[in-house]
């Protein structure tokens, strides 16, 4: 089958990680016992993971004019992502995120949007989406989401949304008309709880899906796996048992793998298994973009008893 062309819209950042035992007190200081850096930004992470799996990917975003921006773009290009449509914002730094990883892999993040705010609704246009099969939007700016959905519908593209914590700060009544006709809406269990006030993620997901006219809602549950909601009901697939090191970017790896699996024709249960496998591999590695390539996912599936699914995927792609 022909490989899909996916456009991913959103943020591109430099992530700086510190592993710490505790947070410092006011005016105090602590020592990190490990530090590392890497590319980040949910949409950029998604783009790289989709490319690792074999999709053609186009990134739509904005970066600054400094040397860090050059390095971030080069990282995308080396991963096979088309960066032709990335805007350069003069006299501005690219986005920067400090990730504090505490005991038991708990995370706190400090985000500086920088040049990412230079992306405008007009940047998602017919020219940039020429030849695209699927549009993924991974940010919380409502004007960008609205413009992207409208343009994708006009062009007949399928659409997925992953607005993260920022989007979950809005009232569900505001998001309901915005999401009308979206094919997949991704969120994690914390975001589902924030949107509904319901602690149980399954009940929260049922409420959200019942309120929004989306084809599918997918809620990731961390070590519990992920659940998909459609008109045919809910499907929950448990996570694979691994020893996590860094969960940053796991949701982006899951979303990219899920969209890829859907675009190549896998059914709902199979794509939940496929995406869970990819995310499970990612959390055993450091950095937001440490997701597995196509062959690594298939090998993992074989080792955990899903050899038939691995063979099916390879057969679909003629490999």
Protein backbone atom coordinates (compact mmCIF):
# COMPACT_ATOMS: atom_id res chain seq x y z
CA UNK A 1 0.00 0.00 0.00
CA UNK A 2 1.05 3.60 -0.51
CA UNK A 3 2.51 5.21 2.59
CA UNK A 4 0.29 7.96 4.07
CA UNK A 5 1.32 11.62 4.12
CA UNK A 6 0.66 13.19 7.50
CA UNK A 7 0.91 16.87 8.42
CA UNK A 8 1.58 17.65 12.07
CA UNK A 9 0.82 21.14 13.39
CA UNK A 10 2.10 22.57 16.65
CA UNK A 11 5.11 23.27 18.82
CA UNK A 12 8.82 22.61 18.33
CA UNK A 13 10.95 22.95 21.47
CA UNK A 14 14.27 22.20 23.04
CA UNK A 15 13.73 20.03 26.13
CA UNK A 16 16.16 20.23 29.05
CA UNK A 17 15.81 17.36 31.55
CA UNK A 18 16.91 17.22 35.17
CA UNK A 19 16.43 14.11 37.29
CA UNK A 20 16.08 15.16 40.92
CA UNK A 21 15.22 13.65 44.30
CA UNK A 22 13.11 16.62 45.45
CA UNK A 23 12.19 20.18 44.56
CA UNK A 24 14.29 23.00 46.04
CA UNK A 25 12.90 25.26 48.74
CA UNK A 26 12.48 29.01 48.16
CA UNK A 27 15.91 30.60 47.60
CA UNK A 28 17.44 27.15 47.86
CA UNK A 29 19.26 24.87 45.45
CA UNK A 30 19.51 21.16 44.84
CA UNK A 31 21.75 19.00 42.71
CA UNK A 32 20.38 17.01 39.79
CA UNK A 33 21.82 13.52 39.60
CA UNK A 34 21.29 13.34 35.83
CA UNK A 35 20.80 15.89 33.04
CA UNK A 36 20.23 15.61 29.30
CA UNK A 37 18.73 17.59 26.43
CA UNK A 38 16.73 16.73 23.34
CA UNK A 39 14.16 17.96 20.87
CA UNK A 40 10.58 18.29 22.05
CA UNK A 41 7.17 19.76 21.35
CA UNK A 42 4.18 17.46 21.07
CA UNK A 43 3.57 18.00 17.34
CA UNK A 44 7.27 17.64 16.52
CA UNK A 45 7.52 14.48 18.62
CA UNK A 46 4.49 13.11 16.80
CA UNK A 47 6.05 13.95 13.43
CA UNK A 48 9.30 12.14 14.19
CA UNK A 49 7.54 9.06 15.52
CA UNK A 50 5.25 8.83 12.49
CA UNK A 51 8.30 9.11 10.26
CA UNK A 52 10.08 6.35 12.21
CA UNK A 53 7.14 4.07 11.47
CA UNK A 54 7.37 4.77 7.76
CA UNK A 55 4.86 7.55 7.06
CA UNK A 56 5.71 10.60 4.99
CA UNK A 57 5.46 13.53 7.40
CA UNK A 58 5.28 17.30 7.04
CA UNK A 59 5.77 19.54 10.09
CA UNK A 60 3.98 22.88 10.32
CA UNK A 61 5.21 25.20 13.04
CA UNK A 62 7.47 28.13 13.89
CA UNK A 63 11.04 28.43 15.19
CA UNK A 64 13.35 31.26 16.10
CA UNK A 65 16.44 32.59 14.39
CA UNK A 66 19.09 31.32 16.83
CA UNK A 67 21.46 28.37 16.58
CA UNK A 68 19.16 26.24 18.74
CA UNK A 69 16.47 26.71 16.10
CA UNK A 70 18.87 25.49 13.42
CA UNK A 71 19.62 22.39 15.48
CA UNK A 72 15.93 21.68 16.08
CA UNK A 73 15.19 21.85 12.35
CA UNK A 74 18.16 19.65 11.55
CA UNK A 75 16.90 17.05 14.02
CA UNK A 76 13.57 16.91 12.20
CA UNK A 77 15.24 16.67 8.81
CA UNK A 78 17.52 13.85 9.94
CA UNK A 79 14.40 11.95 11.01
CA UNK A 80 12.97 12.30 7.50
CA UNK A 81 10.41 15.02 8.32
CA UNK A 82 9.67 17.69 5.71
CA UNK A 83 10.36 21.12 7.28
CA UNK A 84 9.77 23.25 4.21
CA UNK A 85 6.74 24.90 5.79
CA UNK A 86 8.29 25.80 9.15
CA UNK A 87 8.29 29.57 9.75
CA UNK A 88 11.42 31.35 10.97
CA UNK A 89 10.65 34.15 13.41
CA UNK A 90 13.40 36.77 13.47
CA UNK A 91 14.84 37.96 16.80
CA UNK A 92 13.02 35.27 18.73
CA UNK A 93 14.12 32.12 20.51
CA UNK A 94 12.57 28.76 19.82
CA UNK A 95 10.44 27.14 22.47
CA UNK A 96 12.17 25.83 25.57
CA UNK A 97 10.91 23.35 28.15
CA UNK A 98 12.58 22.38 31.41
CA UNK A 99 11.48 18.92 32.56
CA UNK A 100 11.99 18.01 36.22
CA UNK A 101 11.79 14.25 36.75
CA UNK A 102 11.34 13.29 40.38
CA UNK A 103 11.02 10.06 42.32
CA UNK A 104 8.98 7.31 40.62
CA UNK A 105 9.27 9.26 37.34
CA UNK A 106 6.89 12.03 38.45
CA UNK A 107 7.21 15.06 36.16
CA UNK A 108 6.96 18.83 36.37
CA UNK A 109 7.49 21.02 33.33
CA UNK A 110 8.28 24.71 32.82
CA UNK A 111 7.41 25.88 29.31
CA UNK A 112 8.52 28.90 27.30
CA UNK A 113 6.58 29.12 24.04
CA UNK A 114 8.84 31.63 22.28
CA UNK A 115 8.71 31.42 18.48
CA UNK A 116 5.92 28.84 18.62
CA UNK A 117 3.50 31.73 19.13
CA UNK A 118 4.41 32.98 15.66
CA UNK A 119 2.29 30.25 14.06
CA UNK A 120 -0.98 31.73 12.74
CA UNK A 121 -4.21 30.26 11.35
CA UNK A 122 -3.27 31.42 7.84
CA UNK A 123 -0.22 29.14 7.97
CA UNK A 124 -2.53 26.14 7.65
CA UNK A 125 -3.56 26.63 4.05
CA UNK A 126 -4.30 24.71 0.87
CA UNK A 127 -0.71 24.90 -0.33
CA UNK A 128 0.84 23.47 2.83
CA UNK A 129 -1.73 20.66 2.91
CA UNK A 130 -1.36 19.72 -0.74
CA UNK A 131 -1.21 15.93 -1.05
CA UNK A 132 -1.74 15.34 2.68
CA UNK A 133 -3.97 12.46 3.82
CA UNK A 134 -4.23 13.25 7.52
CA UNK A 135 -3.86 16.39 9.65
CA UNK A 136 -2.74 16.11 13.28
CA UNK A 137 -3.00 19.22 15.47
CA UNK A 138 -1.16 19.10 18.80
CA UNK A 139 -1.59 22.39 20.62
CA UNK A 140 -4.21 24.21 22.67
CA UNK A 141 -4.67 27.46 20.70
CA UNK A 142 -8.31 27.45 19.66
CA UNK A 143 -7.85 29.68 16.62
CA UNK A 144 -5.23 27.33 15.17
CA UNK A 145 -7.35 24.26 15.90
CA UNK A 146 -10.43 25.85 14.34
CA UNK A 147 -8.56 26.92 11.20
CA UNK A 148 -6.92 23.52 10.82
CA UNK A 149 -10.15 21.59 11.19
CA UNK A 150 -11.96 23.86 8.76
CA UNK A 151 -9.25 23.58 6.12
CA UNK A 152 -8.91 19.81 6.55
CA UNK A 153 -12.65 19.34 6.10
CA UNK A 154 -12.58 21.42 2.93
CA UNK A 155 -9.83 19.20 1.54
CA UNK A 156 -11.36 15.93 2.69
CA UNK A 157 -8.57 15.01 5.11
CA UNK A 158 -8.95 12.95 8.25
CA UNK A 159 -8.18 14.85 11.45
CA UNK A 160 -6.76 14.12 14.90
CA UNK A 161 -6.44 16.53 17.83
CA UNK A 162 -4.20 16.34 20.89
CA UNK A 163 -4.55 19.59 22.79
CA UNK A 164 -2.77 18.52 25.96
CA UNK A 165 -3.21 20.13 29.34
CA UNK A 166 -3.86 23.56 27.85
CA UNK A 167 -6.95 22.41 25.98
CA UNK A 168 -8.34 20.65 29.04
CA UNK A 169 -8.45 23.98 30.88
CA UNK A 170 -11.40 25.04 28.72
CA UNK A 171 -14.98 24.19 29.50
CA UNK A 172 -16.25 21.17 27.61
CA UNK A 173 -19.14 23.25 26.27
CA UNK A 174 -16.61 25.46 24.45
CA UNK A 175 -14.75 22.53 22.93
CA UNK A 176 -17.84 20.58 21.84
CA UNK A 177 -18.63 22.65 18.70
CA UNK A 178 -14.92 23.01 17.90
CA UNK A 179 -14.43 19.22 17.74
CA UNK A 180 -17.43 18.58 15.53
CA UNK A 181 -16.52 15.96 12.92
CA UNK A 182 -12.97 15.28 14.21
CA UNK A 183 -11.89 11.69 13.55
CA UNK A 184 -9.73 11.13 16.65
CA UNK A 185 -9.47 13.22 19.80
CA UNK A 186 -6.54 12.20 22.04
CA UNK A 187 -6.14 13.05 25.71
CA UNK A 188 -4.71 11.51 28.86
CA UNK A 189 -6.61 10.53 32.00
CA UNK A 190 -5.69 13.74 33.86
CA UNK A 191 -7.01 15.87 31.00
CA UNK A 192 -10.23 13.84 30.88
CA UNK A 193 -10.68 14.41 34.60
CA UNK A 194 -10.07 18.15 34.26
CA UNK A 195 -12.65 18.42 31.48
CA UNK A 196 -15.36 16.57 33.39
CA UNK A 197 -14.57 16.69 37.10
CA UNK A 198 -14.91 12.89 37.10
CA UNK A 199 -12.04 10.92 38.66
CA UNK A 200 -12.63 7.63 36.86
CA UNK A 201 -11.15 8.03 33.33
CA UNK A 202 -13.58 5.55 31.77
CA UNK A 203 -16.60 7.44 33.10
CA UNK A 204 -14.97 10.74 32.15
CA UNK A 205 -14.32 9.48 28.63
CA UNK A 206 -17.89 8.30 28.24
CA UNK A 207 -19.14 11.75 29.22
CA UNK A 208 -16.79 13.53 26.82
CA UNK A 209 -17.58 11.21 23.93
CA UNK A 210 -21.29 11.56 24.61
CA UNK A 211 -20.97 15.35 24.51
CA UNK A 212 -18.70 15.80 21.50
CA UNK A 213 -19.50 14.79 17.93
CA UNK A 214 -16.19 13.04 17.27
CA UNK A 215 -15.71 9.74 15.49
CA UNK A 216 -13.40 8.43 18.20
CA UNK A 217 -12.06 9.54 21.57
CA UNK A 218 -8.85 7.90 22.83
CA UNK A 219 -7.81 8.33 26.47
CA UNK A 220 -4.35 7.14 27.49
CA UNK A 221 -4.10 5.74 31.00
CA UNK A 222 -0.35 5.52 31.58
CA UNK A 223 0.56 2.12 33.07
CA UNK A 224 -3.08 1.02 32.75
CA UNK A 225 -3.02 1.21 28.95
CA UNK A 226 -5.50 3.11 26.80
CA UNK A 227 -9.21 3.16 26.03
CA UNK A 228 -11.03 4.05 22.81
CA UNK A 229 -14.61 5.29 22.66
CA UNK A 230 -16.72 5.09 19.49
CA UNK A 231 -20.40 4.64 18.70
CA UNK A 232 -19.73 0.92 19.10
CA UNK A 233 -18.72 1.34 22.74
CA UNK A 234 -15.49 1.42 24.72
CA UNK A 235 -12.43 -0.77 24.15
CA UNK A 236 -9.75 -0.94 26.84
CA UNK A 237 -6.34 -2.47 26.16
CA UNK A 238 -3.92 -2.94 29.05
CA UNK A 239 -0.41 -1.55 28.88
CA UNK A 240 2.54 -3.90 28.53
CA UNK A 241 4.62 -4.44 31.66
CA UNK A 242 7.92 -2.58 31.35
CA UNK A 243 10.25 -0.71 33.70
CA UNK A 244 9.81 3.00 32.83
CA UNK A 245 12.73 5.41 32.82
CA UNK A 246 11.26 8.55 31.22
CA UNK A 247 7.59 8.96 30.25
CA UNK A 248 8.09 12.32 28.50
CA UNK A 249 6.65 12.13 24.99
CA UNK A 250 5.00 8.74 25.52
CA UNK A 251 1.60 10.20 24.66
CA UNK A 252 2.98 11.63 21.41
CA UNK A 253 4.51 8.29 20.46
CA UNK A 254 1.19 6.61 21.23
CA UNK A 255 -0.80 9.12 19.17
CA UNK A 256 1.53 8.91 16.15
CA UNK A 257 1.51 5.12 16.27
CA UNK A 258 -2.28 5.03 16.64
CA UNK A 259 -2.84 7.36 13.69
CA UNK A 260 -0.37 5.40 11.58
CA UNK A 261 -2.13 2.15 12.47
CA UNK A 262 -5.51 3.63 11.57
CA UNK A 263 -4.28 4.99 8.25
CA UNK A 264 -2.92 1.59 7.19
CA UNK A 265 -6.26 -0.01 8.01
CA UNK A 266 -5.86 -1.74 11.38
CA UNK A 267 -9.03 -2.26 13.42
CA UNK A 268 -9.55 -0.50 16.73
CA UNK A 269 -8.23 -3.23 19.02
CA UNK A 270 -5.18 -3.82 16.82
CA UNK A 271 -4.25 -0.16 16.70
CA UNK A 272 -4.60 0.12 20.49
CA UNK A 273 -2.19 -2.82 20.86
CA UNK A 274 0.20 -1.39 18.25
CA UNK A 275 0.25 2.07 19.85
CA UNK A 276 0.59 0.65 23.37
CA UNK A 277 3.58 -1.37 22.18
CA UNK A 278 5.30 1.70 20.74
CA UNK A 279 4.65 3.78 23.88
CA UNK A 280 5.85 0.93 26.11
CA UNK A 281 9.19 0.86 24.31
CA UNK A 282 9.51 4.64 24.48
CA UNK A 283 9.15 4.87 28.28
CA UNK A 284 12.18 2.61 28.72
CA UNK A 285 14.32 5.24 26.97
CA UNK A 286 15.35 8.80 27.82
CA UNK A 287 13.98 11.75 25.85
CA UNK A 288 10.67 12.65 24.26
CA UNK A 289 11.71 11.36 20.82
CA UNK A 290 13.11 8.01 21.85
CA UNK A 291 10.23 6.08 20.36
CA UNK A 292 10.84 2.88 18.38
CA UNK A 293 11.11 2.44 14.64
CA UNK A 294 8.81 0.20 12.62
CA UNK A 295 10.87 -2.98 13.00
CA UNK A 296 11.33 -2.46 16.73
CA UNK A 297 7.57 -2.26 17.27
CA UNK A 298 6.98 -5.44 15.28
CA UNK A 299 9.73 -7.29 17.16
CA UNK A 300 8.27 -6.16 20.48
CA UNK A 301 4.83 -7.39 19.41
CA UNK A 302 6.29 -10.80 18.60
CA UNK A 303 8.01 -11.07 21.98
CA UNK A 304 4.77 -10.31 23.87
CA UNK A 305 2.63 -12.76 21.95
CA UNK A 306 1.27 -10.67 19.08
CA UNK A 307 3.23 -12.18 16.23
CA UNK A 308 0.09 -12.46 14.10
CA UNK A 309 -0.47 -8.69 14.37
CA UNK A 310 3.17 -8.04 13.47
CA UNK A 311 2.81 -10.22 10.39
CA UNK A 312 -0.46 -8.52 9.44
CA UNK A 313 1.14 -5.06 9.61
CA UNK A 314 4.12 -6.17 7.55
CA UNK A 315 1.79 -7.74 5.00
CA UNK A 316 -0.33 -4.60 4.68
CA UNK A 317 2.78 -2.57 3.87
CA UNK A 318 4.16 -5.22 1.54
CA UNK A 319 7.31 -5.82 3.59
